[in-house]
Structures are given as structure tokens and as C-alpha cells.
């Protein structure tokens, strides 16, 4: 009897994770196939990984329901469902690191969603299998499979623009030189994701001071964004397209930075208003969750650079 309980408990951990790997494999195969077909509304850049809604919601729900099937006769209290669901989450995260090569930052971002869906699925399954209503149970699983299939073939495109503004106590011509290029940032990181290992901006260099010239934004750990200046108006506007960017498991495999821009305004009182804009394309869904993180990361990149420009401009007036 004891061995039977242990076997059911273990199966409630092993089988759901096997199921998740299977469905993630199906999802990735389907997504890659659609990308190769290059349909108008379902594309991704080379080297970019696209993860759809189902990977983070439907599959973890199915994992939880599958676990509940094996645990249904064990008489677990609610806290046990939560505890073992947490273990399933940790295993799923570990497998993501091993098989999907995801970085620590990505795993931090997705772990709350995965855990929430796994434990929700476990409690849904607990109710399903307690009632022993095969029609209801089949309907719920069927609905999840329909959502999974529909999601794979749905449109997956999303771009956004993030804007930040800062006032610098220095004349516009002084500020402009540091907008174009700046010496390495030596200030300590104050954004928690930068502190735990996410690459942060440290320096910008240019090949020339004109439209068409190359520009580099250098991040920590040696990552470099290659840029091309498409608007170069001294003391007014600098706009650049991103021509090459790192493919790194810490976020950069799931987002493309498309364009950056600085707009300067002389306030007429010895101060300058600098507005920073960035455009990006997101490859992880649902947008309502992951864009919160994308906006936060982009904003903190802006602020780290703009605060450095402010420091340089005000110190060297």
C-alpha cells in the first residue's frame, strides 16, 4: 500500500513533466514550421525564439490536471497539492534551463506564471476527478487542446514604444555630445534585474558624426548592439536603427530592439529636456504579462543611460 502511494505520487511528478516536454516540442515544431513558411502575420527574426501563450498557461494547466489524476486517491490536503505543484514547477524550470537553454532572468520572469498555472490545474483536476464525471473531464481537456491548437495558428506579432524624459541642468550643446557617445558608466546598478545578472548598458561609441555612421551600444559582459544613425541633427535629434544585437538566453532571445532615439529641447533657461524613445518587437506571449517586463527593462536601460548623460553634462559644464 505504501509503495503504491509512493508510485502514484512519483507518477504525478514524472508524467506531467514528460507531457509538458512533449507539448512544448509540438509547439516549437509548429512555430518553427510557420516561421519557415514566412506567413505575413507569423514571423520571427533568425535566431529568435517565439513562445506562444499555450507554453506558459495551457501546458502548465495540463501538467497540474495530470498530476491530480495520479494523486486523486491519496487523500491530499490542499497544502500538499501546493507543495508538490511547487516541486513540479522547479523541475519544469530546471528542464527549461537544460533543454531550452533559458537564462536565469527568463526563468525568474516565467516562474510565477508556471507555478500559478500548475497549482491551478492541480486544484481543477482535484475537483474533476473527485466528481468522476467523464463527460465533464473530457470536455475540459478538449477545451484546453482546442485552445492549444488555435493558439499555435493565431497571429503573433507585437511591437511597442517606450518613452522616458529627463531634464538636465546644462546647455543643449553640452548635452548633445554625450547623447551621441559617452564614456563608460561606473555607477552601481540600481535596477534589481541588472543586479542579478541581466546585461546593462555601459558605453556608447560612434564611427562618425553624420547620417549613416555606425554606432555601438556596449553592454556588460561584452554584449554589443550595432547601430546605424538614420537621423543626425546636432542639438536636436539622434535616431538609430539596430542592425545587429546579441542572442543571449537572458531576455535577448525573446525580444528585438528595433530602433532608438534621443530628442533634445532647449528650455531657454540653461537646461535641456532629453526624451529617449525605444521601439521593440516581442516574441513571448501573452503580451499583457510579458510586456510589463519588457517595458520595465527598456525603461531602466533608458534611465541608466540618461542619468549618466545628465551626470556627465552637469559635471563638465
Protein backbone atom coordinates (compact mmCIF):
# COMPACT_ATOMS: atom_id res chain seq x y z
CA UNK A 1 0.00 0.00 0.00
CA UNK A 2 2.82 2.36 0.97
CA UNK A 3 4.68 1.54 -2.24
CA UNK A 4 1.51 2.14 -4.22
CA UNK A 5 1.13 5.61 -2.67
CA UNK A 6 4.74 6.44 -3.44
CA UNK A 7 4.33 5.19 -7.00
CA UNK A 8 1.26 7.37 -7.58
CA UNK A 9 2.99 10.37 -6.03
CA UNK A 10 6.03 9.85 -8.23
CA UNK A 11 3.96 9.35 -11.37
CA UNK A 12 2.19 12.61 -10.55
CA UNK A 13 5.57 14.29 -10.94
CA UNK A 14 7.22 12.36 -13.75
CA UNK A 15 4.29 12.05 -16.16
CA UNK A 16 3.25 15.76 -16.14
CA UNK A 17 6.80 16.83 -16.91
CA UNK A 18 7.01 14.31 -19.74
CA UNK A 19 3.68 15.63 -21.05
CA UNK A 20 4.98 19.20 -20.88
CA UNK A 21 8.12 18.31 -22.84
CA UNK A 22 6.00 16.59 -25.47
CA UNK A 23 3.63 19.53 -25.93
CA UNK A 24 6.43 22.10 -25.88
CA UNK A 25 8.16 20.05 -28.58
CA UNK A 26 4.98 20.04 -30.64
CA UNK A 27 4.57 23.76 -30.10
CA UNK A 28 8.14 24.57 -31.07
CA UNK A 29 7.96 22.35 -34.16
CA UNK A 30 4.72 24.03 -35.28
CA UNK A 31 6.03 27.52 -34.61
CA UNK A 32 9.32 26.87 -36.42
CA UNK A 33 7.39 25.43 -39.36
CA UNK A 34 5.19 28.50 -39.58
CA UNK A 35 8.22 30.77 -39.38
CA UNK A 36 9.84 28.87 -42.27
CA UNK A 37 6.67 29.26 -44.29
CA UNK A 38 7.05 33.02 -43.61
CA UNK A 39 3.39 33.86 -43.44
CA UNK A 40 2.64 37.58 -43.31
CA UNK A 41 1.44 37.59 -39.73
CA UNK A 42 3.67 34.95 -38.15
CA UNK A 43 7.34 35.75 -38.47
CA UNK A 44 10.42 35.96 -36.31
CA UNK A 45 13.97 37.03 -36.98
CA UNK A 46 16.73 34.48 -37.34
CA UNK A 47 17.94 33.20 -34.01
CA UNK A 48 14.86 34.43 -32.18
CA UNK A 49 12.74 32.02 -30.19
CA UNK A 50 8.98 32.56 -30.23
CA UNK A 51 6.93 31.22 -27.33
CA UNK A 52 3.15 31.36 -27.56
CA UNK A 53 0.51 31.73 -24.87
CA UNK A 54 -0.04 27.99 -24.53
CA UNK A 55 3.54 27.28 -23.43
CA UNK A 56 3.10 29.34 -20.27
CA UNK A 57 -0.59 28.76 -19.50
CA UNK A 58 -2.24 25.79 -21.20
CA UNK A 59 0.65 23.34 -20.83
CA UNK A 60 1.19 24.07 -17.10
CA UNK A 61 -2.58 23.72 -16.54
CA UNK A 62 -2.48 20.32 -18.23
CA UNK A 63 0.52 19.42 -16.07
CA UNK A 64 -1.46 20.21 -12.92
CA UNK A 65 -4.50 18.26 -14.09
CA UNK A 66 -2.31 15.28 -14.98
CA UNK A 67 -0.73 15.35 -11.52
CA UNK A 68 -4.18 15.44 -9.90
CA UNK A 69 -5.17 12.32 -11.83
CA UNK A 70 -2.42 10.31 -10.16
CA UNK A 71 -2.95 11.95 -6.76
CA UNK A 72 -6.75 11.64 -6.68
CA UNK A 73 -6.81 8.63 -4.35
CA UNK A 74 -4.07 9.79 -1.98
CA UNK A 75 -6.31 12.00 0.16
CA UNK A 76 -4.03 15.03 -0.13
CA UNK A 77 -4.92 18.18 1.72
CA UNK A 78 -4.73 21.44 -0.21
CA UNK A 79 -1.28 22.29 1.14
CA UNK A 80 0.10 19.04 -0.28
CA UNK A 81 -1.22 19.95 -3.73
CA UNK A 82 0.55 23.30 -3.44
CA UNK A 83 3.79 21.73 -2.19
CA UNK A 84 4.03 19.05 -4.87
CA UNK A 85 2.97 21.55 -7.54
CA UNK A 86 5.88 23.72 -6.44
CA UNK A 87 8.21 20.74 -6.94
CA UNK A 88 6.75 20.21 -10.42
CA UNK A 89 7.40 23.88 -11.15
CA UNK A 90 11.03 23.62 -10.06
CA UNK A 91 11.52 20.55 -12.25
CA UNK A 92 9.88 22.29 -15.22
CA UNK A 93 12.15 25.32 -14.73
CA UNK A 94 15.21 23.08 -14.50
CA UNK A 95 14.24 21.32 -17.73
CA UNK A 96 13.75 24.72 -19.40
CA UNK A 97 17.29 25.63 -18.43
CA UNK A 98 18.65 22.31 -19.72
CA UNK A 99 16.64 21.70 -22.89
CA UNK A 100 15.54 25.20 -23.91
CA UNK A 101 18.78 26.90 -22.76
CA UNK A 102 16.85 29.61 -20.93
CA UNK A 103 18.77 32.01 -18.71
CA UNK A 104 18.15 32.82 -15.09
CA UNK A 105 16.36 36.11 -15.84
CA UNK A 106 13.89 34.44 -18.18
CA UNK A 107 13.23 31.74 -15.61
CA UNK A 108 12.63 34.33 -12.88
CA UNK A 109 10.09 36.07 -15.12
CA UNK A 110 8.14 32.96 -16.15
CA UNK A 111 8.26 31.01 -12.88
CA UNK A 112 5.30 32.80 -11.18
CA UNK A 113 3.09 32.12 -14.20
CA UNK A 114 4.13 28.49 -14.49
CA UNK A 115 3.63 27.83 -10.78
CA UNK A 116 0.27 29.59 -10.73
CA UNK A 117 -1.00 27.54 -13.67
CA UNK A 118 0.36 24.21 -12.40
CA UNK A 119 -1.22 24.62 -8.97
CA UNK A 120 -4.46 25.88 -10.55
CA UNK A 121 -4.51 22.85 -12.81
CA UNK A 122 -3.93 20.58 -9.81
CA UNK A 123 -6.94 22.01 -7.98
CA UNK A 124 -9.06 21.88 -11.14
CA UNK A 125 -8.06 18.25 -11.54
CA UNK A 126 -8.84 17.56 -7.89
CA UNK A 127 -12.43 18.69 -8.45
CA UNK A 128 -12.68 16.95 -11.84
CA UNK A 129 -11.60 13.51 -10.65
CA UNK A 130 -13.46 13.71 -7.36
CA UNK A 131 -16.74 14.06 -9.24
CA UNK A 132 -15.80 11.27 -11.65
CA UNK A 133 -17.77 12.96 -14.41
CA UNK A 134 -16.11 11.61 -17.54
CA UNK A 135 -18.11 13.90 -19.81
CA UNK A 136 -17.04 17.00 -17.87
CA UNK A 137 -13.45 15.81 -17.64
CA UNK A 138 -13.25 15.11 -21.36
CA UNK A 139 -14.79 18.49 -22.12
CA UNK A 140 -12.23 20.38 -20.03
CA UNK A 141 -9.29 18.53 -21.59
CA UNK A 142 -10.83 19.01 -25.03
CA UNK A 143 -11.23 22.74 -24.50
CA UNK A 144 -7.59 23.05 -23.44
CA UNK A 145 -6.44 21.12 -26.52
CA UNK A 146 -8.57 23.34 -28.77
CA UNK A 147 -7.07 26.46 -27.16
CA UNK A 148 -3.58 25.00 -27.59
CA UNK A 149 -4.17 24.24 -31.29
CA UNK A 150 -5.85 27.57 -32.03
CA UNK A 151 -3.09 29.48 -30.28
CA UNK A 152 -0.38 27.89 -32.42
CA UNK A 153 -2.00 29.19 -35.59
CA UNK A 154 -3.04 32.59 -34.27
CA UNK A 155 -1.32 35.86 -35.15
CA UNK A 156 1.74 36.50 -33.01
CA UNK A 157 3.12 39.95 -33.66
CA UNK A 158 3.61 42.74 -31.18
CA UNK A 159 5.67 45.93 -31.19
CA UNK A 160 5.80 48.68 -28.61
CA UNK A 161 7.42 52.03 -27.94
CA UNK A 162 8.77 53.15 -24.57
CA UNK A 163 9.37 56.84 -23.85
CA UNK A 164 11.25 58.47 -20.98
CA UNK A 165 12.14 62.09 -20.32
CA UNK A 166 14.75 63.78 -18.16
CA UNK A 167 15.69 67.42 -17.52
CA UNK A 168 19.42 68.17 -17.45
CA UNK A 169 20.87 71.32 -15.88
CA UNK A 170 23.24 72.01 -18.75
CA UNK A 171 23.07 73.79 -22.13
CA UNK A 172 21.90 71.78 -25.11
CA UNK A 173 25.25 71.78 -26.95
CA UNK A 174 26.94 70.26 -23.89
CA UNK A 175 24.29 67.59 -23.55
CA UNK A 176 24.37 66.69 -27.23
CA UNK A 177 27.97 65.47 -27.20
CA UNK A 178 27.15 62.90 -24.52
CA UNK A 179 23.96 61.82 -26.23
CA UNK A 180 25.94 60.82 -29.29
CA UNK A 181 28.62 58.93 -27.36
CA UNK A 182 29.60 58.64 -23.74
CA UNK A 183 32.40 57.29 -21.56
CA UNK A 184 31.86 54.06 -19.59
CA UNK A 185 29.24 54.12 -16.86
CA UNK A 186 30.79 53.42 -13.49
CA UNK A 187 27.77 53.97 -11.24
CA UNK A 188 26.45 50.94 -9.36
CA UNK A 189 23.41 49.14 -10.72
CA UNK A 190 20.16 50.19 -9.08
CA UNK A 191 17.72 48.02 -11.07
CA UNK A 192 17.28 44.62 -9.46
CA UNK A 193 17.41 42.64 -12.72
CA UNK A 194 20.75 44.25 -13.57
CA UNK A 195 21.94 43.34 -10.09
CA UNK A 196 21.13 39.65 -10.57
CA UNK A 197 22.95 39.34 -13.88
CA UNK A 198 20.98 40.90 -16.70
CA UNK A 199 23.29 42.81 -19.09
CA UNK A 200 23.16 46.60 -18.65
CA UNK A 201 24.44 49.45 -20.84
CA UNK A 202 27.93 50.71 -20.02
CA UNK A 203 29.18 52.73 -23.02
CA UNK A 204 28.33 54.11 -26.46
CA UNK A 205 30.77 54.82 -29.30
CA UNK A 206 30.40 56.14 -32.86
CA UNK A 207 32.35 55.75 -36.11
CA UNK A 208 31.45 59.24 -37.35
CA UNK A 209 29.20 62.23 -36.76
CA UNK A 210 26.79 62.05 -39.66
CA UNK A 211 23.81 60.17 -41.07
CA UNK A 212 24.80 56.62 -41.97
CA UNK A 213 27.63 56.39 -39.49
CA UNK A 214 27.88 53.38 -37.24
CA UNK A 215 27.23 53.47 -33.52
CA UNK A 216 27.73 50.83 -30.85
CA UNK A 217 25.95 50.46 -27.55
CA UNK A 218 28.11 48.24 -25.36
CA UNK A 219 26.54 46.27 -22.54
CA UNK A 220 28.07 44.48 -19.61
CA UNK A 221 29.52 41.02 -20.25
CA UNK A 222 30.74 42.27 -23.63
CA UNK A 223 27.38 42.35 -25.43
CA UNK A 224 27.23 44.92 -28.22
CA UNK A 225 24.32 46.38 -30.15
CA UNK A 226 25.40 47.55 -33.61
CA UNK A 227 23.51 50.63 -34.74
CA UNK A 228 23.23 52.86 -37.79
CA UNK A 229 22.38 56.52 -37.37
CA UNK A 230 19.48 57.41 -39.67
CA UNK A 231 18.81 60.91 -38.28
CA UNK A 232 21.68 63.09 -37.09
CA UNK A 233 20.61 66.65 -36.27
CA UNK A 234 23.05 68.26 -33.84
CA UNK A 235 21.38 69.61 -30.70
CA UNK A 236 18.01 68.29 -31.91
CA UNK A 237 17.66 64.60 -32.71
CA UNK A 238 19.61 61.37 -32.91
CA UNK A 239 17.77 58.33 -34.28
CA UNK A 240 19.40 54.98 -34.97
CA UNK A 241 18.31 51.58 -36.22
CA UNK A 242 19.60 48.42 -34.58
CA UNK A 243 21.43 46.43 -37.24
CA UNK A 244 22.74 43.60 -35.05
CA UNK A 245 22.09 42.52 -31.49
CA UNK A 246 23.21 39.70 -29.21
CA UNK A 247 21.28 36.46 -28.92
CA UNK A 248 21.57 35.68 -25.27
CA UNK A 249 19.40 33.49 -23.04
CA UNK A 250 18.97 36.43 -20.66
CA UNK A 251 15.98 38.04 -22.41
CA UNK A 252 17.63 38.89 -25.73
CA UNK A 253 16.45 35.74 -27.47
CA UNK A 254 12.83 36.79 -27.00
CA UNK A 255 12.84 40.47 -27.89
CA UNK A 256 14.29 42.53 -30.74
CA UNK A 257 15.20 46.17 -30.15
CA UNK A 258 14.28 47.81 -33.44
CA UNK A 259 15.17 51.48 -33.07
CA UNK A 260 16.40 54.04 -30.55
CA UNK A 261 16.02 57.81 -30.46
CA UNK A 262 17.03 60.86 -28.44
CA UNK A 263 15.20 64.17 -28.89
CA UNK A 264 16.64 67.30 -27.28
CA UNK A 265 14.81 70.52 -26.39
CA UNK A 266 16.42 73.76 -25.24
CA UNK A 267 14.28 75.03 -22.36
CA UNK A 268 15.67 78.57 -22.70
CA UNK A 269 16.88 78.74 -19.11
CA UNK A 270 20.16 76.86 -19.35
CA UNK A 271 18.50 73.44 -19.02
CA UNK A 272 17.80 70.77 -21.62
CA UNK A 273 14.97 68.27 -21.84
CA UNK A 274 16.05 64.91 -23.26
CA UNK A 275 13.46 62.41 -24.43
CA UNK A 276 14.52 58.83 -25.06
CA UNK A 277 12.45 56.51 -27.23
CA UNK A 278 12.91 52.81 -27.98
CA UNK A 279 10.91 50.55 -30.24
CA UNK A 280 10.96 46.79 -29.76
CA UNK A 281 9.31 43.62 -31.00
CA UNK A 282 8.26 40.95 -28.53
CA UNK A 283 8.35 37.19 -29.20
CA UNK A 284 6.83 35.85 -25.98
CA UNK A 285 3.10 35.78 -25.32
CA UNK A 286 0.70 36.67 -23.76
CA UNK A 287 1.64 40.30 -24.25
CA UNK A 288 -0.30 41.53 -21.22
CA UNK A 289 2.15 39.74 -18.93
CA UNK A 290 5.49 39.80 -20.71
CA UNK A 291 5.23 43.38 -21.97
CA UNK A 292 5.17 44.54 -18.34
CA UNK A 293 8.66 43.12 -18.03
CA UNK A 294 9.79 44.35 -21.46
CA UNK A 295 8.70 47.90 -20.68
CA UNK A 296 10.37 47.81 -17.28
CA UNK A 297 13.65 46.54 -18.71
CA UNK A 298 13.63 49.04 -21.59
CA UNK A 299 12.79 51.90 -19.23
CA UNK A 300 15.64 51.03 -16.90
CA UNK A 301 18.07 50.86 -19.82
CA UNK A 302 16.88 54.36 -20.78
CA UNK A 303 17.20 55.73 -17.27
CA UNK A 304 20.67 54.28 -16.69
CA UNK A 305 21.96 55.90 -19.90
CA UNK A 306 20.09 59.18 -19.44
CA UNK A 307 21.16 59.58 -15.81
CA UNK A 308 24.75 59.02 -16.94
CA UNK A 309 24.35 61.67 -19.66
CA UNK A 310 22.93 64.02 -17.02
CA UNK A 311 25.87 63.40 -14.69
CA UNK A 312 28.45 63.96 -17.44
CA UNK A 313 26.72 67.08 -18.74
CA UNK A 314 26.25 68.72 -15.36
CA UNK A 315 29.71 67.80 -14.08
CA UNK A 316 31.58 69.08 -17.11
CA UNK A 317 29.69 72.33 -17.71
